[in-house]
Protein backbone atom coordinates (compact mmCIF):
# COMPACT_ATOMS: atom_id res chain seq x y z
CA MET A 1 189.02 159.59 94.47
CA SER A 2 192.49 157.99 93.70
CA SER A 3 192.79 154.58 92.33
CA GLN A 4 193.27 151.70 94.80
CA ASP A 5 196.79 151.23 93.84
CA GLY A 6 197.44 155.00 93.96
CA GLN A 7 198.35 154.98 90.26
CA ALA A 8 196.76 157.40 87.58
CA ARG A 9 195.38 155.79 84.43
CA ARG A 10 195.98 156.52 80.68
CA VAL A 11 192.49 155.88 79.25
CA ILE A 12 192.28 155.18 75.47
CA LEU A 13 188.78 155.41 74.20
CA VAL A 14 188.29 153.62 70.75
CA GLY A 15 185.36 154.65 68.59
CA ARG A 16 182.19 156.08 70.22
CA THR A 17 181.92 155.06 73.90
CA GLY A 18 179.90 157.75 75.26
CA LEU A 19 182.39 157.98 78.18
CA ASP A 20 184.04 161.32 77.30
CA ALA A 21 182.00 163.65 79.66
CA LYS A 22 182.15 161.20 82.55
CA LEU A 23 185.90 160.64 82.53
CA ARG A 24 187.18 164.17 81.37
CA LEU A 25 187.23 165.88 84.75
CA ASP A 26 188.89 162.97 86.71
CA PRO A 27 192.57 164.29 87.64
CA ASP A 28 193.73 160.75 87.92
CA MET A 29 192.76 159.92 84.22
CA GLU A 30 194.57 160.94 81.03
CA LEU A 31 191.93 160.77 78.46
CA LEU A 32 192.74 159.90 74.88
CA ARG A 33 190.37 159.46 71.77
CA VAL A 34 191.36 157.31 68.87
CA ARG A 35 189.33 156.16 65.84
CA ASN A 36 190.24 152.50 65.42
CA PRO A 37 192.14 149.67 67.17
CA MET A 38 195.37 150.45 64.93
CA GLU A 39 195.59 153.82 66.62
CA ALA A 40 194.90 152.28 70.01
CA ILE A 41 197.84 149.93 69.67
CA ALA A 42 200.12 152.77 68.48
CA GLU A 43 199.05 154.94 71.28
CA LEU A 44 199.67 152.21 73.80
CA ALA A 45 203.29 151.54 72.12
CA ASP A 46 204.08 155.30 72.14
CA PRO A 47 202.59 157.38 74.88
CA ILE A 48 202.37 161.17 74.65
CA ASP A 49 205.39 161.97 76.67
CA ASP A 50 207.37 160.42 79.71
CA GLN A 51 204.77 161.95 82.05
CA SER A 52 201.95 159.88 80.87
CA PRO A 53 200.60 157.31 83.46
CA ALA A 54 202.20 153.95 83.31
CA ARG A 55 198.92 151.95 83.79
CA ALA A 56 196.77 152.04 80.67
CA VAL A 57 193.14 151.00 80.13
CA VAL A 58 191.78 150.58 76.58
CA VAL A 59 187.88 150.93 76.20
CA PHE A 60 186.21 149.67 72.84
CA GLY A 61 182.98 151.50 71.92
CA GLU A 62 180.50 151.53 68.99
CA GLY A 63 182.08 151.59 65.59
CA SER A 64 185.56 150.35 66.90
CA THR A 65 185.29 146.76 65.53
CA PRO A 66 188.30 146.22 63.08
CA GLY A 67 187.35 145.20 59.59
CA ILE A 68 189.98 142.44 59.28
CA GLY A 69 189.72 138.68 59.28
CA GLU A 70 186.81 136.52 58.34
CA ARG A 71 184.88 137.01 61.72
CA VAL A 72 184.59 140.10 63.73
CA ASP A 73 184.94 138.10 66.92
CA GLU A 74 188.29 136.62 65.72
CA SER A 75 189.48 140.00 64.67
CA MET A 76 188.71 141.60 68.03
CA LYS A 77 190.57 138.65 69.78
CA ALA A 78 193.66 139.39 67.48
CA VAL A 79 193.50 143.03 68.39
CA ILE A 80 193.14 142.36 72.21
CA GLU A 81 196.13 140.14 71.80
CA GLY A 82 198.15 142.76 70.15
CA LEU A 83 197.31 145.19 72.91
CA ARG A 84 198.55 142.73 75.53
CA LEU A 85 201.81 142.05 73.57
CA VAL A 86 202.55 145.65 73.59
CA ASP A 87 201.78 146.17 77.34
CA PRO A 88 200.93 142.99 79.21
CA ALA A 89 199.48 145.07 82.02
CA VAL A 90 196.97 146.78 80.04
CA SER A 91 193.32 146.54 81.00
CA VAL A 92 190.87 146.08 78.09
CA MET A 93 187.20 146.75 78.40
CA ALA A 94 184.16 146.99 76.07
CA ILE A 95 180.90 148.87 76.20
CA SER A 96 177.74 146.86 76.69
CA PRO A 97 176.36 145.02 74.97
CA ALA A 98 179.28 142.76 73.93
CA PRO A 99 179.22 139.31 72.37
CA ASP A 100 180.02 136.46 74.96
CA SER A 101 183.22 135.60 72.83
CA ILE A 102 184.41 139.28 73.24
CA ALA A 103 183.25 139.53 77.03
CA GLN A 104 185.42 136.54 77.82
CA SER A 105 188.47 138.10 76.33
CA VAL A 106 188.30 141.59 77.93
CA ASP A 107 188.64 142.59 81.57
CA GLY A 108 185.43 144.22 82.06
CA ILE A 109 182.06 145.44 80.37
CA LEU A 110 181.10 149.03 80.97
CA ASP A 111 177.53 150.22 80.91
CA ALA A 112 177.73 153.85 79.53
CA GLY A 113 174.37 154.53 81.12
CA ARG A 114 175.85 154.25 84.77
CA SER A 115 176.98 157.24 86.82
CA ALA A 116 180.37 158.84 86.19
CA GLU A 117 181.71 157.57 89.60
CA GLU A 118 180.68 154.02 88.89
CA ILE A 119 182.27 153.86 85.57
CA ARG A 120 185.41 155.37 87.03
CA GLU A 121 185.65 152.91 89.86
CA GLN A 122 185.20 150.12 87.36
CA ILE A 123 188.04 151.35 85.23
CA ARG A 124 190.27 151.69 88.28
CA THR A 125 189.55 148.14 89.43
CA PRO A 126 189.01 145.78 86.73
CA LYS A 127 187.90 142.14 87.58
CA GLN A 128 190.47 140.19 89.47
CA ALA A 129 189.88 137.09 87.38
CA ALA A 130 190.76 138.75 84.26
CA ARG A 131 193.92 140.21 85.68
CA GLU A 132 194.85 136.83 86.65
CA THR A 133 194.34 135.58 83.16
CA ILE A 134 196.53 138.42 81.81
CA SER A 135 199.34 137.35 84.17
CA ASP A 136 198.98 133.83 83.16
CA ASN A 137 199.11 134.66 79.49
CA ALA A 138 202.11 136.93 79.97
CA SER A 139 204.17 134.25 81.79
CA THR A 140 203.35 131.41 79.51
CA PHE A 141 203.97 133.63 76.38
CA SER A 142 207.61 133.77 77.17
CA ALA A 143 208.08 130.55 75.06
CA PRO A 144 205.05 129.84 73.03
CA HIS A 145 204.67 126.57 71.19
CA GLN A 146 208.42 125.67 71.85
CA THR A 147 209.34 122.17 70.84
CA ARG A 148 211.70 120.11 73.16
CA ALA A 149 214.49 120.47 70.60
CA ALA A 150 214.26 124.33 70.67
CA VAL A 151 214.39 124.40 74.54
CA ASP A 152 217.36 121.98 74.52
CA CYS A 153 219.42 124.30 72.31
CA THR A 154 218.44 127.48 74.17
CA SER A 155 218.07 127.94 77.79
CA ASP A 156 214.77 128.24 79.54
CA GLU A 157 216.26 131.57 81.15
CA VAL A 158 217.05 133.10 77.82
CA LEU A 159 213.60 132.18 76.43
CA GLU A 160 212.08 134.01 79.44
CA ASP A 161 214.03 137.16 78.61
CA PRO A 162 212.15 138.07 75.43
CA ALA A 163 208.83 138.48 77.21
CA ARG A 164 210.38 140.88 79.58
CA ALA A 165 212.17 142.67 76.71
CA LEU A 166 208.91 143.00 74.73
CA ALA A 167 207.00 144.34 77.82
CA ALA A 168 209.77 147.12 78.30
CA GLY A 169 209.41 148.11 74.51
CA HIS A 170 212.54 146.34 73.18
CA ASP A 171 213.17 143.92 70.36
CA PRO A 172 212.57 140.39 71.67
CA VAL A 173 214.56 138.95 68.68
CA LEU A 174 217.75 140.46 69.66
CA VAL A 175 217.52 138.91 73.15
CA VAL A 176 217.05 135.40 71.50
CA LEU A 177 219.73 135.93 69.08
CA ALA A 178 222.21 136.80 71.91
CA GLY A 179 221.25 133.58 73.59
CA ILE A 180 221.79 131.50 70.48
CA ALA A 181 225.07 133.30 69.53
CA LYS A 182 226.41 132.51 72.97
CA HIS A 183 225.46 128.77 72.67
CA LEU A 184 227.04 128.53 69.12
CA GLY A 185 230.11 130.50 70.18
CA VAL A 186 229.70 133.10 67.26
CA GLU A 187 230.21 136.89 67.33
CA ALA A 188 227.02 137.85 65.52
CA LEU A 189 223.68 136.38 64.14
CA ARG A 190 221.17 138.25 62.02
CA VAL A 191 217.57 137.58 60.86
CA GLU A 192 217.02 138.49 57.22
CA ARG A 193 213.47 139.13 56.03
CA GLY A 194 212.19 136.61 53.56
CA LEU A 195 214.12 133.51 52.31
CA VAL A 196 217.71 133.97 52.03
CA GLU A 197 220.43 131.55 50.65
CA GLN A 198 223.07 130.24 53.04
CA GLY A 199 220.61 130.66 55.90
CA ALA A 200 218.00 128.55 57.87
CA ALA A 201 214.40 129.37 57.10
CA ILE A 202 212.43 130.55 60.25
CA VAL A 203 208.86 129.12 59.88
CA TRP A 204 205.74 130.10 61.99
CA GLY A 205 202.29 129.04 61.17
CA GLY A 206 203.46 127.37 58.00
CA ALA A 207 204.95 130.37 56.47
CA VAL A 208 208.58 131.55 56.22
CA VAL A 209 208.80 134.66 58.54
CA GLY A 210 212.53 135.04 57.99
CA THR A 211 215.95 133.49 57.73
CA LEU A 212 218.69 133.01 60.38
CA VAL A 213 222.02 133.87 59.04
CA ALA A 214 225.61 133.64 60.43
CA ASP A 215 228.78 134.21 58.53
CA GLY A 216 230.85 130.96 58.59
CA LEU A 217 227.96 128.58 59.69
CA ARG A 218 226.06 126.44 57.29
CA PRO A 219 222.15 126.31 57.17
CA GLU A 220 221.96 122.77 58.90
CA GLN A 221 223.96 124.23 61.88
CA LEU A 222 221.58 127.12 62.42
CA ALA A 223 218.34 125.12 61.63
CA PRO A 224 217.87 123.55 65.00
CA HIS A 225 217.73 127.02 66.63
CA THR A 226 215.09 128.41 64.43
CA PRO A 227 212.14 127.28 66.42
CA ALA A 228 213.28 129.40 69.40
CA LEU A 229 213.20 132.31 67.04
CA ALA A 230 210.03 131.79 65.12
CA PRO A 231 207.28 133.13 67.38
CA TRP A 232 209.37 136.25 68.24
CA VAL A 233 210.22 137.07 64.54
CA ALA A 234 206.31 136.70 63.91
CA ILE A 235 205.51 138.97 66.80
CA ARG A 236 207.87 141.42 65.68
CA GLU A 237 206.66 141.43 62.04
CA GLN A 238 202.88 141.73 63.34
CA MET A 239 203.81 144.72 65.47
CA ARG A 240 205.75 146.29 62.57
CA ARG A 241 202.66 146.07 60.38
CA LEU A 242 200.32 147.33 63.14
CA ARG A 243 202.57 150.45 63.60
CA LEU A 244 202.70 150.89 59.90
CA ALA A 245 198.98 150.84 59.65
CA ALA A 246 198.67 153.24 62.52
CA TYR A 247 201.02 155.78 61.08
CA SER A 248 200.40 155.60 57.33
CA ASP A 249 197.74 156.86 54.91
CA PRO A 250 195.94 153.80 53.40
CA LEU A 251 195.15 155.42 50.04
CA THR A 252 198.50 157.09 49.22
CA GLY A 253 200.92 155.17 51.21
CA ALA A 254 202.23 158.41 52.72
CA TRP A 255 202.71 158.87 56.45
CA ASN A 256 199.71 160.54 58.18
CA ARG A 257 199.13 163.38 60.44
CA ARG A 258 200.02 161.51 63.68
CA TYR A 259 203.34 160.40 62.21
CA PHE A 260 204.14 163.96 60.79
CA ASP A 261 203.62 165.42 64.39
CA GLN A 262 205.75 162.88 65.96
CA PHE A 263 208.53 162.89 63.50
CA LEU A 264 208.79 166.55 63.14
CA SER A 265 209.17 167.05 66.84
CA ALA A 266 211.76 164.52 67.02
CA ALA A 267 213.70 166.01 63.96
CA LEU A 268 213.65 169.46 65.62
CA GLN A 269 215.18 168.04 68.75
CA ILE A 270 217.98 166.54 66.88
CA ALA A 271 218.36 169.87 64.80
CA GLN A 272 218.60 171.77 67.90
CA ASP A 273 221.23 169.44 69.48
CA ASN A 274 223.26 169.49 66.39
CA ARG A 275 222.58 173.02 65.19
CA HIS A 276 221.08 171.78 61.98
CA SER A 277 218.20 173.05 59.92
CA VAL A 278 214.75 171.56 59.28
CA THR A 279 212.23 172.79 56.59
CA VAL A 280 208.58 172.04 56.41
CA LEU A 281 206.80 172.27 53.11
CA VAL A 282 202.95 172.47 53.42
CA PHE A 283 201.03 172.39 50.18
CA ASP A 284 197.64 171.33 48.40
CA ILE A 285 196.39 170.91 45.10
CA ASP A 286 194.76 174.02 43.57
CA ASP A 287 190.91 173.62 43.13
CA PHE A 288 191.20 169.88 43.99
CA LYS A 289 187.68 170.04 45.45
CA ASN A 290 186.06 171.28 42.23
CA PHE A 291 188.12 168.76 40.23
CA ASN A 292 187.01 166.02 42.54
CA ASP A 293 183.47 166.88 42.51
CA ARG A 294 183.39 167.18 38.66
CA PHE A 295 185.37 164.08 37.61
CA GLY A 296 184.66 161.77 40.44
CA HIS A 297 186.43 160.43 43.63
CA ALA A 298 188.16 157.70 41.64
CA ALA A 299 189.98 160.08 39.43
CA GLY A 300 190.72 162.28 42.54
CA ASP A 301 192.31 159.16 44.26
CA ASP A 302 194.54 158.67 41.26
CA ILE A 303 195.79 162.37 41.52
CA LEU A 304 196.47 162.03 45.19
CA LYS A 305 198.35 158.81 44.62
CA GLU A 306 200.34 160.07 41.78
CA THR A 307 201.31 163.27 43.74
CA VAL A 308 202.83 161.12 46.44
CA ARG A 309 204.79 159.03 43.85
CA LEU A 310 206.10 162.16 42.22
CA LEU A 311 207.29 163.79 45.35
CA ARG A 312 208.94 160.65 46.61
CA SER A 313 211.01 160.66 43.26
CA VAL A 314 212.71 163.93 44.06
CA ILE A 315 213.11 164.05 47.94
CA ARG A 316 216.04 162.42 49.79
CA PRO A 317 215.95 159.24 51.89
CA THR A 318 215.84 161.15 55.13
CA ASP A 319 212.89 163.24 54.02
CA ARG A 320 209.31 162.38 54.93
CA VAL A 321 206.09 162.79 52.91
CA CYS A 322 202.94 163.07 54.99
CA ARG A 323 199.11 163.39 54.03
CA ILE A 324 197.72 165.61 56.69
CA GLY A 325 194.32 166.28 55.34
CA GLY A 326 192.20 165.48 52.16
CA ASP A 327 194.42 167.07 49.57
CA GLU A 328 196.79 168.68 51.92
CA PHE A 329 200.33 167.33 52.18
CA ALA A 330 203.36 168.20 54.28
CA VAL A 331 206.94 167.13 53.54
CA ILE A 332 209.73 167.32 56.37
CA PHE A 333 213.04 168.00 54.74
CA ASN A 334 215.50 166.72 57.40
CA GLU A 335 219.15 165.87 57.32
CA PRO A 336 219.97 164.59 60.73
CA GLU A 337 223.67 164.06 60.07
CA GLY A 338 223.88 167.57 58.26
CA PRO A 339 224.03 168.26 54.56
CA ARG A 340 226.17 165.84 52.61
CA ASP A 341 227.23 168.34 50.08
CA PRO A 342 229.13 171.12 51.79
CA ALA A 343 228.11 173.46 48.88
CA SER A 344 224.29 172.94 49.48
CA ARG A 345 222.53 176.00 51.24
CA HIS A 346 219.46 174.99 53.42
CA PRO A 347 216.62 175.91 52.71
CA LYS A 348 217.51 177.23 49.16
CA THR A 349 218.35 173.58 48.21
CA ILE A 350 214.93 172.57 49.49
CA TYR A 351 213.10 175.19 47.45
CA GLN A 352 215.00 173.87 44.35
CA ILE A 353 213.55 170.38 45.11
CA ALA A 354 210.12 171.79 45.82
CA GLU A 355 210.17 173.65 42.30
CA ARG A 356 211.34 170.34 40.59
CA PHE A 357 208.37 168.58 42.23
CA GLN A 358 205.99 171.52 41.20
CA LYS A 359 207.16 171.12 37.67
CA GLN A 360 206.55 167.27 37.78
CA VAL A 361 202.92 167.89 38.85
CA ARG A 362 202.39 170.29 36.11
CA GLU A 363 203.64 167.95 33.56
CA ALA A 364 202.04 164.81 34.91
CA THR A 365 199.45 163.03 32.89
CA PHE A 366 196.57 160.75 34.24
CA PRO A 367 195.35 158.23 31.65
CA LYS A 368 192.30 157.29 33.59
CA LEU A 369 190.94 160.92 33.41
CA THR A 370 188.45 161.90 30.90
CA ALA A 371 189.24 164.03 27.88
CA GLU A 372 187.45 167.06 29.51
CA ALA A 373 189.87 166.97 32.49
CA PRO A 374 192.42 169.69 32.71
CA THR A 375 195.74 168.95 31.05
CA THR A 376 197.91 170.07 33.87
CA LEU A 377 197.53 170.25 37.75
CA ARG A 378 198.93 173.13 40.04
CA ILE A 379 200.00 173.12 43.60
CA SER A 380 200.45 175.87 45.98
CA GLY A 381 202.59 175.80 49.10
CA GLY A 382 204.69 177.36 51.73
CA LEU A 383 208.07 176.62 53.09
CA ALA A 384 209.25 177.47 56.65
CA THR A 385 212.67 176.59 58.20
CA TYR A 386 214.02 176.01 61.64
CA PRO A 387 215.41 178.19 63.24
CA TRP A 388 214.74 181.17 61.21
CA ASP A 389 210.96 180.90 60.84
CA GLY A 390 210.15 179.28 64.31
CA LEU A 391 211.49 177.14 67.11
CA THR A 392 208.60 174.67 67.55
CA ALA A 393 206.67 172.29 65.27
CA CYS A 394 203.46 174.53 65.67
CA ASP A 395 205.24 177.64 64.62
CA LEU A 396 206.86 176.09 61.59
CA VAL A 397 203.47 174.69 60.40
CA ALA A 398 201.75 177.84 60.98
CA LYS A 399 204.28 179.84 59.10
CA ALA A 400 204.30 177.33 56.21
CA ASP A 401 200.47 177.46 56.15
CA GLU A 402 200.54 181.38 56.21
CA ARG A 403 202.95 181.34 53.12
CA ALA A 404 200.79 178.78 51.27
CA MET A 405 197.72 181.05 51.73
CA GLU A 406 199.80 184.03 50.44
CA GLY A 407 200.74 182.07 47.37
CA LYS A 408 197.10 181.24 46.63
CA ARG A 409 196.29 185.02 46.93
CA GLN A 410 199.00 185.74 44.37
CA GLY A 411 197.33 183.62 41.90
CA LYS A 412 197.89 179.88 42.99
CA ASN A 413 200.66 177.73 41.36
CA VAL A 414 203.15 179.19 43.76
CA ILE A 415 205.50 177.90 46.53
CA MET A 416 206.50 180.66 48.81
CA LEU A 417 209.88 180.78 50.39
CA GLY A 418 210.42 183.22 53.35
CA PRO A 419 213.22 185.56 54.16
CA GLY A 420 214.99 182.85 56.19
CA ALA A 421 216.42 181.63 52.97
CA ASP A 422 218.55 184.90 52.75
CA SER A 423 219.76 184.25 56.31
CA ALA A 424 221.08 180.73 55.43
CA GLU A 425 223.61 182.14 52.87
């Protein structure tokens, strides 16, 4: 049965919902599973591809409550608000039972014990009252908490545009800046993070969220326009933090597997268009599990964090360090503009970087470890380069994994470089 509006649904299940089997076979539903609200927000903001359904439904299940804020209810409300900022048309539901405070914030409560058809129908047609509430929120949010002075200096029409820009996935701050620049008759305005001299502080919720700066204008000339910017700068910063949380590893600060998959695919597309190379290094710490079991998880965490720090000290700004497993890491060596040094040879230059990193790991010391701990650590990894070792992300990762395993069979503490290096000469 198709939905009443004739549109398919992208259904994002957060935590344990018990709905997988009942929704999996519905041809009008693209089913996605995520572990926590941060991943749900990231998935909503960045669909799998252009073919994904435009209409989205997020369902919160058991174990999906975020561990932020002083109260769970307040945290959930903040997450739901974040989802609707990313997509004002999203339907948000929860699995029964749900507290009254949450039930009033979502578009429907689902009973996992009902039949598959009943659940599908409820997902297709959320309660109308809730949809009207969302529409009201979306329209009034175009100029939240604006003072009369702010509206006087920036037209209502301009203040409505940021909401439409946000819903379309664009930066709402740029829209407001364009309106203020036109009002002031200046070529360019910019928002700096933090408090900057020669600019007007942008304050939201009692905190400075940025500074409005324009060359040739004094802070007192800019200050009347900051109230129009404040809510949008705060929203942009909130979304930046949410995306960072969704794409980064909380222990080491490295990017996570989700980021790795998306960044590598994008880097390969650019490399294909510009006839450049991209190299992937996949490695892990030799015998890390035994070391972790023997000396404790705190010592193991120190090693993982130091490994990322050392690796970042030798790579280039365009490269990316990702933690894709427990002690498994991947590095994307990427030069989207091509090599800056004409004499460099990719991937042999990458191999030299990897060897430098390997040496640093061997020579690293960990003061928190016991005297019984080994004096050196070793890593084993494999390098694979586009286009010689593969044309897709899956091919490159598989080839790098294969070479990493071969290095371990040869006695560990080895980074394997394939025959593609010779082809690059």
